[in-house]
Each structure stands twice: as C-alpha cells, then as structure tokens.
Amino acid sequence: MDPAAGMVDKAVAVLANLATIPEGRVAIGQEGGIPVLVEVVELGSARGKENAAAALLHLCTNSSRYCSMVLQEGAVPPLVALSQSGTPRAKEKAQALLSYFRNQRHGNAGRG
C-alpha cells in the first residue's frame, strides 16, 4: 500500500470491514496485513488510523495468535498515542485494544 497512491485510507477501510468476518481475518493474517495495519496506526491519516485500530481490535479479540503478532509488531506505543490524540472513534478502538492486551496479560492468555 503506497501512501503516494492515495489509496491507503480506502484499502484500510476495506481491511476493517474484512476483519469483521472469520475469512477476512484469516486472509489479513496470512497475507501480511498485520504489519501494514500497525504501520497505519502509527503513520496514517486520522481516518486510516481509526480503521486500522478497528481492524486490529477485531483481529486480536478473535485470535490469540494474531494478538501476539500485533504485539510483536510493536503496536502498543502507537496505540497509546492514538488513544490520547485520535478521533473519538480511534481513541475508543485504541483504548479497547490496549485494555484487551492488559486483560490478556493478567491471566486470560490461554484462550484462542
């Protein structure tokens, strides 16, 4: 996804929609979408960050494997920044994801 092409926001919106269904989540995970989504959370436009956070939330809450991949990509610092300075929806998604990470760390990590 080349930012110069101007399609990043649209592509991330599609990924956010795909992340709501099992087949979409599998495709995102298998095709290298997680690093891209983490990058958009960090460097994308306001709308891109919002949709990337929504997609990551769906991925993580439905798969501990994808959750681990998101954490390995270094998603926490950009999510913390987004939870403090994003759009209202982006803040909500980032806070929900950070809360989910905390809950997983405190004993629920055996699921999924």
N, C-alpha and C. Protein backbone atom coordinates (compact mmCIF):
# COMPACT_ATOMS: atom_id res chain seq x y z
N MET A 1 0.86 -1.19 0.00
CA MET A 1 0.00 0.00 0.00
C MET A 1 0.89 1.24 0.00
N ASP A 2 0.97 1.88 -1.11
CA ASP A 2 1.82 3.04 -1.29
C ASP A 2 1.06 4.31 -0.93
N PRO A 3 1.52 5.03 0.12
CA PRO A 3 0.81 6.25 0.52
C PRO A 3 0.70 7.28 -0.60
N ALA A 4 1.67 7.30 -1.50
CA ALA A 4 1.64 8.28 -2.58
C ALA A 4 0.48 8.01 -3.54
N ALA A 5 -0.01 6.79 -3.57
CA ALA A 5 -1.10 6.45 -4.49
C ALA A 5 -2.45 6.95 -4.00
N GLY A 6 -2.53 7.36 -2.74
CA GLY A 6 -3.77 7.91 -2.21
C GLY A 6 -4.85 6.89 -1.92
N MET A 7 -4.49 5.64 -1.91
CA MET A 7 -5.49 4.59 -1.70
C MET A 7 -5.42 3.95 -0.32
N VAL A 8 -4.50 4.40 0.51
CA VAL A 8 -4.30 3.76 1.81
C VAL A 8 -5.57 3.80 2.65
N ASP A 9 -6.21 4.97 2.75
CA ASP A 9 -7.41 5.08 3.58
C ASP A 9 -8.50 4.14 3.10
N LYS A 10 -8.68 4.07 1.78
CA LYS A 10 -9.72 3.19 1.24
C LYS A 10 -9.37 1.73 1.48
N ALA A 11 -8.11 1.38 1.29
CA ALA A 11 -7.68 -0.01 1.50
C ALA A 11 -7.84 -0.42 2.96
N VAL A 12 -7.49 0.48 3.87
CA VAL A 12 -7.61 0.16 5.29
C VAL A 12 -9.08 0.06 5.69
N ALA A 13 -9.94 0.86 5.09
CA ALA A 13 -11.38 0.74 5.35
C ALA A 13 -11.88 -0.63 4.92
N VAL A 14 -11.40 -1.12 3.79
CA VAL A 14 -11.77 -2.46 3.33
C VAL A 14 -11.26 -3.51 4.31
N LEU A 15 -10.02 -3.36 4.77
CA LEU A 15 -9.47 -4.32 5.74
C LEU A 15 -10.27 -4.31 7.04
N ALA A 16 -10.70 -3.13 7.47
CA ALA A 16 -11.50 -3.05 8.70
C ALA A 16 -12.81 -3.82 8.52
N ASN A 17 -13.42 -3.71 7.35
CA ASN A 17 -14.64 -4.48 7.08
C ASN A 17 -14.35 -5.97 7.00
N LEU A 18 -13.27 -6.34 6.34
CA LEU A 18 -12.90 -7.75 6.23
C LEU A 18 -12.63 -8.37 7.60
N ALA A 19 -12.07 -7.58 8.51
CA ALA A 19 -11.71 -8.09 9.84
C ALA A 19 -12.93 -8.47 10.67
N THR A 20 -14.11 -8.09 10.21
CA THR A 20 -15.33 -8.43 10.97
C THR A 20 -15.82 -9.85 10.69
N ILE A 21 -15.24 -10.51 9.69
CA ILE A 21 -15.66 -11.88 9.38
C ILE A 21 -14.46 -12.84 9.47
N PRO A 22 -14.72 -14.08 9.87
CA PRO A 22 -13.61 -15.03 10.06
C PRO A 22 -12.71 -15.18 8.84
N GLU A 23 -13.30 -15.32 7.65
CA GLU A 23 -12.49 -15.50 6.44
C GLU A 23 -11.61 -14.28 6.18
N GLY A 24 -12.13 -13.11 6.47
CA GLY A 24 -11.36 -11.88 6.29
C GLY A 24 -10.18 -11.81 7.24
N ARG A 25 -10.43 -12.20 8.49
CA ARG A 25 -9.34 -12.18 9.48
C ARG A 25 -8.22 -13.13 9.07
N VAL A 26 -8.59 -14.32 8.60
CA VAL A 26 -7.59 -15.29 8.16
C VAL A 26 -6.78 -14.72 7.00
N ALA A 27 -7.46 -14.12 6.04
CA ALA A 27 -6.76 -13.55 4.88
C ALA A 27 -5.81 -12.44 5.30
N ILE A 28 -6.26 -11.56 6.19
CA ILE A 28 -5.40 -10.47 6.66
C ILE A 28 -4.16 -11.04 7.36
N GLY A 29 -4.37 -12.02 8.23
CA GLY A 29 -3.25 -12.61 8.96
C GLY A 29 -2.28 -13.34 8.05
N GLN A 30 -2.80 -14.09 7.09
CA GLN A 30 -1.93 -14.89 6.21
C GLN A 30 -1.22 -14.06 5.16
N GLU A 31 -1.80 -12.96 4.77
CA GLU A 31 -1.24 -12.17 3.67
C GLU A 31 -0.39 -10.98 4.13
N GLY A 32 -0.01 -10.96 5.41
CA GLY A 32 0.89 -9.92 5.88
C GLY A 32 0.22 -8.59 6.17
N GLY A 33 -1.06 -8.62 6.48
CA GLY A 33 -1.79 -7.38 6.74
C GLY A 33 -1.52 -6.76 8.10
N ILE A 34 -1.10 -7.56 9.06
CA ILE A 34 -0.91 -7.04 10.41
C ILE A 34 0.19 -5.97 10.48
N PRO A 35 1.37 -6.21 9.92
CA PRO A 35 2.38 -5.14 9.95
C PRO A 35 1.91 -3.86 9.26
N VAL A 36 1.17 -4.01 8.18
CA VAL A 36 0.66 -2.84 7.47
C VAL A 36 -0.32 -2.07 8.35
N LEU A 37 -1.22 -2.79 9.02
CA LEU A 37 -2.20 -2.12 9.89
C LEU A 37 -1.51 -1.40 11.04
N VAL A 38 -0.49 -2.03 11.63
CA VAL A 38 0.24 -1.38 12.72
C VAL A 38 0.94 -0.12 12.20
N GLU A 39 1.48 -0.20 11.00
CA GLU A 39 2.14 0.97 10.41
C GLU A 39 1.14 2.11 10.18
N VAL A 40 -0.06 1.77 9.74
CA VAL A 40 -1.08 2.80 9.51
C VAL A 40 -1.51 3.42 10.83
N VAL A 41 -1.61 2.62 11.90
CA VAL A 41 -1.94 3.18 13.22
C VAL A 41 -0.90 4.23 13.61
N GLU A 42 0.35 3.96 13.25
CA GLU A 42 1.43 4.87 13.62
C GLU A 42 1.54 6.08 12.69
N LEU A 43 1.40 5.85 11.39
CA LEU A 43 1.76 6.89 10.42
C LEU A 43 0.62 7.34 9.51
N GLY A 44 -0.52 6.73 9.61
CA GLY A 44 -1.60 7.02 8.68
C GLY A 44 -2.34 8.31 8.97
N SER A 45 -3.32 8.59 8.12
CA SER A 45 -4.21 9.73 8.32
C SER A 45 -5.13 9.44 9.51
N ALA A 46 -5.87 10.43 9.95
CA ALA A 46 -6.81 10.23 11.07
C ALA A 46 -7.79 9.11 10.74
N ARG A 47 -8.36 9.13 9.54
CA ARG A 47 -9.31 8.08 9.15
C ARG A 47 -8.62 6.73 9.03
N GLY A 48 -7.42 6.72 8.48
CA GLY A 48 -6.68 5.47 8.36
C GLY A 48 -6.36 4.85 9.71
N LYS A 49 -5.92 5.69 10.64
CA LYS A 49 -5.62 5.20 12.00
C LYS A 49 -6.85 4.60 12.65
N GLU A 50 -7.98 5.29 12.47
CA GLU A 50 -9.25 4.83 13.04
C GLU A 50 -9.62 3.44 12.52
N ASN A 51 -9.56 3.27 11.20
CA ASN A 51 -9.92 1.98 10.60
C ASN A 51 -8.89 0.90 10.91
N ALA A 52 -7.61 1.26 10.95
CA ALA A 52 -6.58 0.28 11.29
C ALA A 52 -6.76 -0.22 12.72
N ALA A 53 -7.06 0.69 13.64
CA ALA A 53 -7.29 0.29 15.03
C ALA A 53 -8.51 -0.62 15.14
N ALA A 54 -9.56 -0.31 14.39
CA ALA A 54 -10.76 -1.15 14.39
C ALA A 54 -10.44 -2.55 13.87
N ALA A 55 -9.67 -2.62 12.79
CA ALA A 55 -9.29 -3.92 12.22
C ALA A 55 -8.44 -4.71 13.21
N LEU A 56 -7.46 -4.06 13.83
CA LEU A 56 -6.61 -4.75 14.80
C LEU A 56 -7.41 -5.24 16.00
N LEU A 57 -8.39 -4.46 16.42
CA LEU A 57 -9.24 -4.89 17.53
C LEU A 57 -9.98 -6.18 17.18
N HIS A 58 -10.54 -6.24 15.98
CA HIS A 58 -11.23 -7.47 15.55
C HIS A 58 -10.27 -8.64 15.47
N LEU A 59 -9.09 -8.41 14.92
CA LEU A 59 -8.11 -9.48 14.79
C LEU A 59 -7.71 -10.02 16.15
N CYS A 60 -7.39 -9.13 17.07
CA CYS A 60 -6.88 -9.55 18.38
C CYS A 60 -7.94 -10.23 19.24
N THR A 61 -9.15 -9.70 19.23
CA THR A 61 -10.17 -10.26 20.10
C THR A 61 -10.68 -11.60 19.60
N ASN A 62 -10.33 -11.96 18.37
CA ASN A 62 -10.78 -13.23 17.83
C ASN A 62 -9.67 -14.27 17.67
N SER A 63 -8.43 -13.89 17.96
CA SER A 63 -7.32 -14.84 17.78
C SER A 63 -6.13 -14.44 18.64
N SER A 64 -5.77 -15.33 19.56
CA SER A 64 -4.60 -15.04 20.39
C SER A 64 -3.33 -15.03 19.54
N ARG A 65 -3.31 -15.80 18.45
CA ARG A 65 -2.16 -15.82 17.56
C ARG A 65 -1.98 -14.46 16.90
N TYR A 66 -3.06 -13.91 16.38
CA TYR A 66 -2.97 -12.60 15.76
C TYR A 66 -2.65 -11.53 16.79
N CYS A 67 -3.17 -11.70 17.99
CA CYS A 67 -2.87 -10.76 19.06
C CYS A 67 -1.36 -10.74 19.32
N SER A 68 -0.75 -11.91 19.38
CA SER A 68 0.70 -11.99 19.57
C SER A 68 1.44 -11.32 18.43
N MET A 69 0.96 -11.53 17.21
CA MET A 69 1.61 -10.91 16.05
C MET A 69 1.53 -9.39 16.13
N VAL A 70 0.37 -8.87 16.54
CA VAL A 70 0.19 -7.42 16.67
C VAL A 70 1.16 -6.87 17.71
N LEU A 71 1.27 -7.55 18.84
CA LEU A 71 2.19 -7.10 19.89
C LEU A 71 3.64 -7.16 19.41
N GLN A 72 4.00 -8.20 18.66
CA GLN A 72 5.36 -8.33 18.15
C GLN A 72 5.70 -7.23 17.14
N GLU A 73 4.69 -6.69 16.49
CA GLU A 73 4.92 -5.60 15.54
C GLU A 73 5.14 -4.26 16.24
N GLY A 74 5.03 -4.25 17.57
CA GLY A 74 5.27 -3.01 18.30
C GLY A 74 4.08 -2.06 18.27
N ALA A 75 2.88 -2.61 18.34
CA ALA A 75 1.67 -1.80 18.21
C ALA A 75 1.35 -0.95 19.44
N VAL A 76 1.89 -1.31 20.60
CA VAL A 76 1.47 -0.61 21.82
C VAL A 76 1.80 0.88 21.81
N PRO A 77 3.03 1.31 21.51
CA PRO A 77 3.29 2.76 21.55
C PRO A 77 2.39 3.58 20.61
N PRO A 78 2.21 3.17 19.33
CA PRO A 78 1.30 3.96 18.50
C PRO A 78 -0.15 3.91 18.97
N LEU A 79 -0.56 2.79 19.57
CA LEU A 79 -1.92 2.70 20.10
C LEU A 79 -2.10 3.62 21.30
N VAL A 80 -1.09 3.71 22.15
CA VAL A 80 -1.15 4.63 23.29
C VAL A 80 -1.28 6.06 22.78
N ALA A 81 -0.47 6.41 21.79
CA ALA A 81 -0.55 7.76 21.23
C ALA A 81 -1.93 8.01 20.63
N LEU A 82 -2.45 7.03 19.92
CA LEU A 82 -3.77 7.16 19.29
C LEU A 82 -4.87 7.29 20.34
N SER A 83 -4.72 6.56 21.44
CA SER A 83 -5.74 6.61 22.50
C SER A 83 -5.80 7.97 23.17
N GLN A 84 -4.75 8.77 22.99
CA GLN A 84 -4.69 10.09 23.60
C GLN A 84 -5.00 11.21 22.62
N SER A 85 -4.75 10.98 21.33
CA SER A 85 -4.86 12.11 20.40
C SER A 85 -5.61 11.80 19.11
N GLY A 86 -6.29 10.67 19.04
CA GLY A 86 -7.00 10.33 17.82
C GLY A 86 -8.41 10.92 17.78
N THR A 87 -9.12 10.57 16.71
CA THR A 87 -10.53 10.93 16.62
C THR A 87 -11.27 10.19 17.75
N PRO A 88 -12.47 10.60 18.08
CA PRO A 88 -13.20 9.89 19.15
C PRO A 88 -13.31 8.38 18.90
N ARG A 89 -13.61 7.98 17.67
CA ARG A 89 -13.72 6.55 17.37
C ARG A 89 -12.36 5.88 17.46
N ALA A 90 -11.32 6.54 16.99
CA ALA A 90 -9.97 5.98 17.06
C ALA A 90 -9.54 5.81 18.51
N LYS A 91 -9.81 6.81 19.33
CA LYS A 91 -9.47 6.71 20.76
C LYS A 91 -10.18 5.52 21.38
N GLU A 92 -11.46 5.37 21.07
CA GLU A 92 -12.25 4.27 21.62
C GLU A 92 -11.67 2.91 21.23
N LYS A 93 -11.33 2.74 19.96
CA LYS A 93 -10.78 1.47 19.48
C LYS A 93 -9.40 1.21 20.08
N ALA A 94 -8.57 2.23 20.13
CA ALA A 94 -7.23 2.07 20.70
C ALA A 94 -7.31 1.72 22.18
N GLN A 95 -8.18 2.41 22.92
CA GLN A 95 -8.33 2.12 24.34
C GLN A 95 -8.86 0.70 24.56
N ALA A 96 -9.81 0.28 23.73
CA ALA A 96 -10.35 -1.08 23.86
C ALA A 96 -9.27 -2.11 23.59
N LEU A 97 -8.44 -1.86 22.61
CA LEU A 97 -7.38 -2.81 22.27
C LEU A 97 -6.32 -2.86 23.37
N LEU A 98 -5.92 -1.70 23.88
CA LEU A 98 -4.94 -1.67 24.97
C LEU A 98 -5.50 -2.37 26.21
N SER A 99 -6.77 -2.15 26.50
CA SER A 99 -7.42 -2.82 27.62
C SER A 99 -7.43 -4.34 27.41
N TYR A 100 -7.70 -4.75 26.19
CA TYR A 100 -7.70 -6.17 25.86
C TYR A 100 -6.31 -6.77 26.10
N PHE A 101 -5.26 -6.07 25.67
CA PHE A 101 -3.89 -6.54 25.90
C PHE A 101 -3.62 -6.70 27.39
N ARG A 102 -4.03 -5.71 28.18
CA ARG A 102 -3.83 -5.78 29.64
C ARG A 102 -4.55 -6.98 30.23
N ASN A 103 -5.79 -7.19 29.82
CA ASN A 103 -6.56 -8.32 30.35
C ASN A 103 -5.93 -9.66 29.96
N GLN A 104 -5.41 -9.76 28.75
CA GLN A 104 -4.75 -10.99 28.32
C GLN A 104 -3.50 -11.25 29.15
N ARG A 105 -2.77 -10.21 29.45
CA ARG A 105 -1.54 -10.35 30.21
C ARG A 105 -1.83 -10.80 31.64
N HIS A 106 -3.01 -10.46 32.14
CA HIS A 106 -3.34 -10.78 33.53
C HIS A 106 -4.13 -12.07 33.65
N GLY A 107 -3.70 -13.11 32.92
CA GLY A 107 -4.23 -14.43 33.21
C GLY A 107 -5.17 -15.05 32.21
N ASN A 108 -5.60 -14.33 31.19
CA ASN A 108 -6.52 -14.92 30.22
C ASN A 108 -5.81 -15.37 28.96
N ALA A 109 -4.50 -15.48 29.00
CA ALA A 109 -3.73 -15.71 27.78
C ALA A 109 -3.88 -17.11 27.22
N GLY A 110 -4.50 -18.03 27.93
CA GLY A 110 -4.59 -19.39 27.46
C GLY A 110 -5.67 -19.65 26.44
N ARG A 111 -6.48 -18.66 26.10
CA ARG A 111 -7.61 -18.88 25.19
C ARG A 111 -7.25 -18.57 23.75
N GLY A 112 -8.03 -19.21 22.82
CA GLY A 112 -7.98 -18.86 21.43
C GLY A 112 -6.92 -19.49 20.64
